[in-house]
Amino acid sequence: MMIVGLTYNLKKSNSDVEDWEAEYDSPQTVMAIQSAIEQAGHDTVLLEAVPERIRDFIDCGCDIVFNFAEGLEGRGREAQIPALLSFLGIPYTGSDEVALGIALDKTLTKQLVTANGITTPKFQLATRATKKIKRDLRFPLIIKPNAEGSSKGIRESAVVNTPEQALQLLCELSHVYPGDFLIEEFIEGREVTVGLLGNGDSIEVLPVLETLFPHEDNFYSYRVKKHSDVFLQYDCPAQLDRLTLQKIEKASRTVFSILRLRDVARMDFRIASDGIPYFLEVNPIPGLAPGFSDLPRICEASGISYDSLINRILNTALVRLGLMVPSTVQVT
């Protein structure tokens, strides 16, 4: 038995911007993770990731912290709590602060993976001051905040067909969201996501999940994601040919290795009409909302229960840290 801290950010719904807390978790998700870990025989300590509760981290007495905190603001927000835990010498699940800081920055991630042979849509980093769209970018383009997740800042109008539309949308977004923006070629095709669990030679690539858009929307806007039960359907394992699956698995493992991720991650791809998978982005702190987030959906379709998923992440970290022998990690 261990004392396991749970660190998280809660939705509080006190913002004028609808998707401002899109990355944060509901109390129900926190309780589901807490229940899963306690069912495995551990004690838990709740550690809300807000400045006024920092003392709780110092005094928690945890053997390990299960990290799913998104942080507060800025390009390095997902690295805030891992950096604190590293400073305090407290072990934690998931990737370290360096990997998390890089992965949240979409353009930096794309530069790294492109340099290592991974195919990704052509892109441009834009700011409020951007006045021109790169000539080598082919329309349509999609525009999104450069350092956000959960489809935050991706409007129904995110796909644009002219430079004028692109610059107008940039202007609108810059008045709502701080930071830079990613402009990239929009890949018409199938959208898939991949979950990975493990480390080193023991990384498991879970079955690929395809997101189906039966309505006119054919990309993950915030509205579509928020109302996924209305706008989306899912197919897992995705009906893909063996060669495409092999390409996606190889690319996923390569990205995991390049960014030096740990324990768990989820990655998004678009498969073009010619069968080429284009890497879109990686999430080293994948959503864990039961019955809603993609990683639990993938695991459910694979016969892995929600409680088993949570404890698989925890046990994988414990093995990596030398606090558990590998044979005790439960796969199902």
Protein backbone atom coordinates (compact mmCIF):
# COMPACT_ATOMS: atom_id res chain seq x y z
CA MET A 1 0.00 0.00 0.00
CA MET A 2 1.19 3.50 -0.83
CA ILE A 3 0.08 7.05 -0.22
CA VAL A 4 -0.82 8.41 -3.65
CA GLY A 5 -1.41 12.10 -4.18
CA LEU A 6 -3.84 13.19 -6.88
CA THR A 7 -3.06 16.57 -8.39
CA TYR A 8 -5.59 18.25 -10.67
CA ASN A 9 -7.30 21.47 -11.73
CA LEU A 10 -11.05 21.75 -11.29
CA LYS A 11 -13.57 23.37 -13.57
CA LYS A 12 -15.11 26.29 -11.70
CA SER A 13 -17.13 27.92 -14.51
CA ASN A 14 -16.31 31.47 -13.48
CA SER A 15 -14.92 32.71 -16.80
CA ASP A 16 -16.61 34.80 -19.47
CA VAL A 17 -14.90 32.70 -22.15
CA GLU A 18 -16.83 29.44 -22.62
CA ASP A 19 -13.81 27.20 -23.21
CA TRP A 20 -11.41 28.87 -20.77
CA GLU A 21 -11.47 25.85 -18.44
CA ALA A 22 -11.76 23.24 -21.20
CA GLU A 23 -8.59 21.49 -20.05
CA TYR A 24 -9.69 21.21 -16.42
CA ASP A 25 -11.47 18.26 -14.84
CA SER A 26 -14.83 17.84 -13.18
CA PRO A 27 -15.15 16.66 -9.57
CA GLN A 28 -16.62 13.43 -10.98
CA THR A 29 -13.40 12.67 -12.88
CA VAL A 30 -11.27 13.34 -9.80
CA MET A 31 -13.48 11.03 -7.74
CA ALA A 32 -13.34 8.31 -10.41
CA ILE A 33 -9.53 8.35 -10.40
CA GLN A 34 -9.45 8.45 -6.61
CA SER A 35 -11.82 5.49 -6.40
CA ALA A 36 -9.76 3.44 -8.88
CA ILE A 37 -6.56 3.98 -6.92
CA GLU A 38 -8.19 3.28 -3.57
CA GLN A 39 -9.77 0.09 -4.97
CA ALA A 40 -6.21 -1.07 -5.65
CA GLY A 41 -5.46 -0.76 -1.93
CA HIS A 42 -3.73 2.63 -1.78
CA ASP A 43 -4.50 5.67 0.33
CA THR A 44 -5.04 8.93 -1.53
CA VAL A 45 -4.45 12.60 -0.83
CA LEU A 46 -6.16 15.29 -2.92
CA LEU A 47 -3.83 18.06 -4.10
CA GLU A 48 -5.61 20.78 -6.03
CA ALA A 49 -3.10 22.57 -8.26
CA VAL A 50 -3.71 26.18 -7.23
CA PRO A 51 -1.24 28.65 -5.64
CA GLU A 52 -3.05 28.85 -2.31
CA ARG A 53 -2.67 25.07 -1.83
CA ILE A 54 1.06 24.77 -2.52
CA ARG A 55 1.71 23.98 1.14
CA ASP A 56 -0.37 20.82 0.71
CA PHE A 57 2.26 19.46 -1.69
CA ILE A 58 5.06 20.12 0.78
CA ASP A 59 3.21 18.44 3.65
CA CYS A 60 1.45 15.61 1.77
CA GLY A 61 3.82 12.78 2.68
CA CYS A 62 3.04 11.05 -0.60
CA ASP A 63 5.02 8.13 -1.97
CA ILE A 64 4.02 9.20 -5.48
CA VAL A 65 1.69 11.74 -7.08
CA PHE A 66 -0.71 10.83 -9.88
CA ASN A 67 -0.43 13.93 -12.03
CA PHE A 68 -3.27 15.07 -14.25
CA ALA A 69 -3.00 18.79 -13.44
CA GLU A 70 -3.11 21.12 -16.43
CA GLY A 71 -1.59 24.14 -14.68
CA LEU A 72 -2.86 27.68 -14.79
CA GLU A 73 -1.66 29.96 -17.58
CA GLY A 74 1.11 30.29 -20.12
CA ARG A 75 3.01 28.14 -22.56
CA GLY A 76 4.57 26.15 -19.72
CA ARG A 77 1.43 25.63 -17.64
CA GLU A 78 1.42 21.83 -17.91
CA ALA A 79 4.99 21.81 -16.58
CA GLN A 80 4.18 23.87 -13.48
CA ILE A 81 3.20 21.09 -11.08
CA PRO A 82 5.75 18.53 -12.35
CA ALA A 83 8.47 21.18 -11.89
CA LEU A 84 7.27 21.75 -8.32
CA LEU A 85 7.21 18.02 -7.61
CA SER A 86 10.69 17.60 -9.08
CA PHE A 87 11.93 20.47 -6.92
CA LEU A 88 10.41 18.85 -3.82
CA GLY A 89 11.77 15.42 -4.74
CA ILE A 90 8.33 13.83 -4.95
CA PRO A 91 7.96 11.11 -7.63
CA TYR A 92 5.02 11.45 -10.01
CA THR A 93 3.32 9.72 -12.90
CA GLY A 94 3.71 10.81 -16.49
CA SER A 95 6.22 12.91 -18.36
CA ASP A 96 8.59 15.37 -16.74
CA GLU A 97 8.39 19.14 -16.87
CA VAL A 98 10.72 19.46 -19.87
CA ALA A 99 8.73 17.07 -22.06
CA LEU A 100 5.43 18.64 -21.00
CA GLY A 101 6.65 22.14 -21.77
CA ILE A 102 7.74 21.10 -25.25
CA ALA A 103 4.67 19.02 -26.05
CA LEU A 104 2.19 21.80 -25.23
CA ASP A 105 3.93 24.04 -27.78
CA LYS A 106 2.50 22.68 -31.02
CA THR A 107 4.92 24.37 -33.42
CA LEU A 108 7.98 23.43 -31.38
CA THR A 109 6.77 19.82 -31.28
CA LYS A 110 6.18 19.84 -35.03
CA GLN A 111 9.67 21.22 -35.67
CA LEU A 112 11.18 18.43 -33.59
CA VAL A 113 9.20 15.60 -35.13
CA THR A 114 9.66 16.92 -38.67
CA ALA A 115 13.42 16.96 -38.14
CA ASN A 116 13.14 13.28 -37.25
CA GLY A 117 11.23 12.23 -40.35
CA ILE A 118 7.65 12.41 -39.09
CA THR A 119 5.11 13.69 -41.63
CA THR A 120 3.06 16.63 -40.37
CA PRO A 121 1.01 19.30 -42.18
CA LYS A 122 2.97 22.37 -43.30
CA PHE A 123 2.58 25.08 -40.72
CA GLN A 124 3.29 28.63 -39.62
CA LEU A 125 3.62 30.16 -36.16
CA ALA A 126 1.54 33.34 -35.98
CA THR A 127 1.11 36.18 -33.51
CA ARG A 128 -1.22 39.12 -33.18
CA ALA A 129 1.25 41.06 -35.34
CA THR A 130 1.23 38.55 -38.21
CA LYS A 131 0.25 40.25 -41.47
CA LYS A 132 1.07 37.60 -44.06
CA ILE A 133 0.37 33.92 -44.59
CA LYS A 134 3.35 31.91 -45.86
CA ARG A 135 3.13 31.41 -49.61
CA ASP A 136 3.97 27.71 -49.47
CA LEU A 137 0.91 26.93 -47.33
CA ARG A 138 -1.94 25.46 -49.34
CA PHE A 139 -5.53 26.30 -48.46
CA PRO A 140 -7.67 25.29 -46.71
CA LEU A 141 -5.84 26.08 -43.47
CA ILE A 142 -6.85 25.52 -39.87
CA ILE A 143 -6.00 28.01 -37.11
CA LYS A 144 -5.80 27.21 -33.41
CA PRO A 145 -4.00 28.44 -30.27
CA ASN A 146 -0.42 27.18 -30.28
CA ALA A 147 -0.31 26.05 -26.65
CA GLU A 148 -3.75 24.72 -25.76
CA GLY A 149 -5.59 21.42 -25.83
CA SER A 150 -9.12 20.02 -25.60
CA SER A 151 -10.00 21.93 -28.80
CA LYS A 152 -9.75 25.17 -26.83
CA GLY A 153 -9.90 28.13 -29.19
CA ILE A 154 -10.87 26.01 -32.20
CA ARG A 155 -14.02 27.60 -33.56
CA GLU A 156 -16.43 26.31 -36.17
CA SER A 157 -14.81 28.92 -38.43
CA ALA A 158 -11.29 27.55 -37.74
CA VAL A 159 -10.89 26.22 -41.29
CA VAL A 160 -10.27 29.11 -43.69
CA ASN A 161 -9.97 29.27 -47.46
CA THR A 162 -8.33 32.64 -48.15
CA PRO A 163 -5.55 34.78 -46.64
CA GLU A 164 -8.14 37.40 -45.75
CA GLN A 165 -10.19 34.89 -43.77
CA ALA A 166 -7.05 33.66 -42.02
CA LEU A 167 -5.92 37.13 -40.93
CA GLN A 168 -9.42 38.06 -39.80
CA LEU A 169 -9.68 34.93 -37.65
CA LEU A 170 -6.22 35.57 -36.20
CA CYS A 171 -7.33 39.06 -35.22
CA GLU A 172 -10.47 37.72 -33.54
CA LEU A 173 -8.66 34.96 -31.66
CA SER A 174 -5.88 37.26 -30.46
CA HIS A 175 -8.42 39.39 -28.61
CA VAL A 176 -9.61 36.37 -26.64
CA TYR A 177 -6.63 34.04 -26.22
CA PRO A 178 -3.15 35.11 -25.13
CA GLY A 179 -0.06 33.70 -26.78
CA ASP A 180 0.72 32.55 -30.29
CA PHE A 181 -1.29 30.63 -32.86
CA LEU A 182 -0.68 27.67 -35.13
CA ILE A 183 -1.66 27.93 -38.78
CA GLU A 184 -1.40 24.63 -40.62
CA GLU A 185 -2.68 22.99 -43.75
CA PHE A 186 -6.00 21.28 -43.11
CA ILE A 187 -5.78 17.64 -44.10
CA GLU A 188 -9.03 16.38 -45.57
CA GLY A 189 -9.37 12.81 -44.47
CA ARG A 190 -9.90 10.49 -41.53
CA GLU A 191 -9.12 11.58 -37.99
CA VAL A 192 -7.61 9.00 -35.64
CA THR A 193 -6.10 9.00 -32.19
CA VAL A 194 -3.64 6.60 -30.60
CA GLY A 195 -3.01 5.82 -26.94
CA LEU A 196 0.35 4.64 -25.63
CA LEU A 197 1.18 3.09 -22.27
CA GLY A 198 4.59 2.12 -20.95
CA ASN A 199 8.24 3.05 -21.22
CA GLY A 200 11.31 2.01 -23.19
CA ASP A 201 10.97 -1.37 -24.84
CA SER A 202 7.69 -2.02 -22.99
CA ILE A 203 5.59 0.67 -24.68
CA GLU A 204 2.20 -0.64 -25.80
CA VAL A 205 0.43 1.11 -28.66
CA LEU A 206 -3.28 0.64 -28.02
CA PRO A 207 -5.80 0.06 -30.83
CA VAL A 208 -6.39 3.10 -33.03
CA LEU A 209 -9.64 5.01 -32.46
CA GLU A 210 -11.24 6.77 -35.42
CA THR A 211 -13.45 9.80 -34.86
CA LEU A 212 -16.33 9.91 -37.33
CA PHE A 213 -18.04 13.18 -38.25
CA PRO A 214 -21.50 12.23 -39.56
CA HIS A 215 -22.62 15.86 -39.73
CA GLU A 216 -21.25 18.81 -41.73
CA ASP A 217 -18.50 19.51 -39.20
CA ASN A 218 -15.43 17.47 -40.15
CA PHE A 219 -12.95 18.57 -37.51
CA TYR A 220 -12.69 18.85 -33.74
CA SER A 221 -14.01 22.31 -32.91
CA TYR A 222 -14.67 23.06 -29.26
CA ARG A 223 -18.43 22.88 -29.86
CA VAL A 224 -18.14 19.47 -31.51
CA LYS A 225 -15.91 18.11 -28.74
CA LYS A 226 -18.11 19.48 -25.95
CA HIS A 227 -21.18 17.88 -27.52
CA SER A 228 -19.48 14.75 -28.79
CA ASP A 229 -22.54 12.63 -28.01
CA VAL A 230 -24.45 14.64 -30.62
CA PHE A 231 -21.84 15.37 -33.29
CA LEU A 232 -19.44 12.42 -33.19
CA GLN A 233 -19.27 8.67 -33.56
CA TYR A 234 -16.31 6.42 -32.80
CA ASP A 235 -14.85 3.27 -34.27
CA CYS A 236 -12.27 1.32 -32.28
CA PRO A 237 -10.32 -0.48 -33.50
CA ALA A 238 -10.40 1.71 -36.60
CA GLN A 239 -10.92 -0.08 -39.90
CA LEU A 240 -7.51 0.62 -41.43
CA ASP A 241 -5.27 -1.50 -43.62
CA ARG A 242 -2.20 -3.10 -42.09
CA LEU A 243 0.30 -0.76 -43.77
CA THR A 244 -1.47 2.37 -42.50
CA LEU A 245 -1.66 0.93 -39.00
CA GLN A 246 2.05 0.14 -39.10
CA LYS A 247 2.85 3.70 -40.21
CA ILE A 248 0.78 5.17 -37.38
CA GLU A 249 2.29 2.86 -34.77
CA LYS A 250 5.83 3.60 -35.94
CA ALA A 251 5.22 7.36 -35.96
CA SER A 252 3.64 7.21 -32.50
CA ARG A 253 6.57 5.33 -31.01
CA THR A 254 9.00 7.73 -32.66
CA VAL A 255 7.25 10.83 -31.30
CA PHE A 256 7.09 9.25 -27.84
CA SER A 257 10.84 8.65 -28.01
CA ILE A 258 11.79 12.04 -29.52
CA LEU A 259 9.97 13.97 -26.79
CA ARG A 260 11.18 11.56 -24.09
CA LEU A 261 7.65 11.00 -22.85
CA ARG A 262 6.88 8.68 -19.95
CA ASP A 263 4.16 6.28 -18.88
CA VAL A 264 1.23 7.49 -21.00
CA ALA A 265 0.35 9.69 -23.97
CA ARG A 266 -2.22 10.14 -26.69
CA MET A 267 -1.53 11.35 -30.25
CA ASP A 268 -3.75 12.63 -33.05
CA PHE A 269 -3.30 11.97 -36.76
CA ARG A 270 -5.15 12.76 -39.98
CA ILE A 271 -5.00 10.18 -42.75
CA ALA A 272 -5.02 11.81 -46.20
CA SER A 273 -6.71 10.30 -49.23
CA ASP A 274 -3.37 8.84 -50.37
CA GLY A 275 -3.10 6.89 -47.11
CA ILE A 276 -0.35 9.03 -45.55
CA PRO A 277 -0.87 9.63 -41.80
CA TYR A 278 -0.11 13.22 -40.79
CA PHE A 279 0.89 13.78 -37.17
CA LEU A 280 -1.15 16.61 -35.64
CA GLU A 281 -0.28 16.81 -31.96
CA VAL A 282 0.51 14.87 -28.80
CA ASN A 283 -1.08 15.01 -25.38
CA PRO A 284 1.15 13.66 -22.58
CA ILE A 285 -1.62 14.38 -20.05
CA PRO A 286 -4.54 12.77 -21.88
CA GLY A 287 -8.06 13.34 -20.65
CA LEU A 288 -9.30 10.72 -18.21
CA ALA A 289 -12.99 11.58 -17.92
CA PRO A 290 -14.79 8.21 -17.82
CA GLY A 291 -17.15 7.68 -20.74
CA PHE A 292 -15.99 10.89 -22.45
CA SER A 293 -12.24 11.16 -22.99
CA ASP A 294 -10.61 9.32 -25.87
CA LEU A 295 -8.11 7.25 -23.88
CA PRO A 296 -10.79 5.65 -21.66
CA ARG A 297 -12.86 5.02 -24.82
CA ILE A 298 -9.92 3.23 -26.44
CA CYS A 299 -9.31 1.14 -23.34
CA GLU A 300 -12.97 0.24 -22.96
CA ALA A 301 -13.05 -0.96 -26.58
CA SER A 302 -9.89 -2.96 -25.87
CA GLY A 303 -11.32 -4.71 -22.83
CA ILE A 304 -9.39 -2.60 -20.31
CA SER A 305 -11.63 -1.26 -17.56
CA TYR A 306 -11.40 2.32 -16.37
CA ASP A 307 -9.98 1.29 -12.99
CA SER A 308 -7.40 -0.89 -14.74
CA LEU A 309 -6.35 2.02 -16.97
CA ILE A 310 -5.76 4.30 -13.99
CA ASN A 311 -3.78 1.69 -12.10
CA ARG A 312 -1.88 0.71 -15.24
CA ILE A 313 -0.63 4.33 -15.48
CA LEU A 314 0.23 4.36 -11.77
CA ASN A 315 1.98 0.98 -11.83
CA THR A 316 3.91 1.85 -14.98
CA ALA A 317 5.32 4.88 -13.19
CA LEU A 318 6.11 2.81 -10.09
CA VAL A 319 8.06 0.32 -12.21
CA ARG A 320 9.94 3.14 -13.94
CA LEU A 321 10.86 4.56 -10.54
CA GLY A 322 11.97 1.20 -9.18
CA LEU A 323 9.14 1.13 -6.64
CA MET A 324 7.45 -1.95 -8.12
CA VAL A 325 8.69 -5.01 -9.96
CA PRO A 326 7.51 -5.24 -13.60
CA SER A 327 5.57 -8.48 -13.18
CA THR A 328 3.02 -6.74 -10.93
CA VAL A 329 1.83 -4.28 -13.60
CA GLN A 330 -1.69 -5.29 -14.57
CA VAL A 331 -2.56 -5.15 -18.28
CA THR A 332 -6.31 -5.75 -18.00
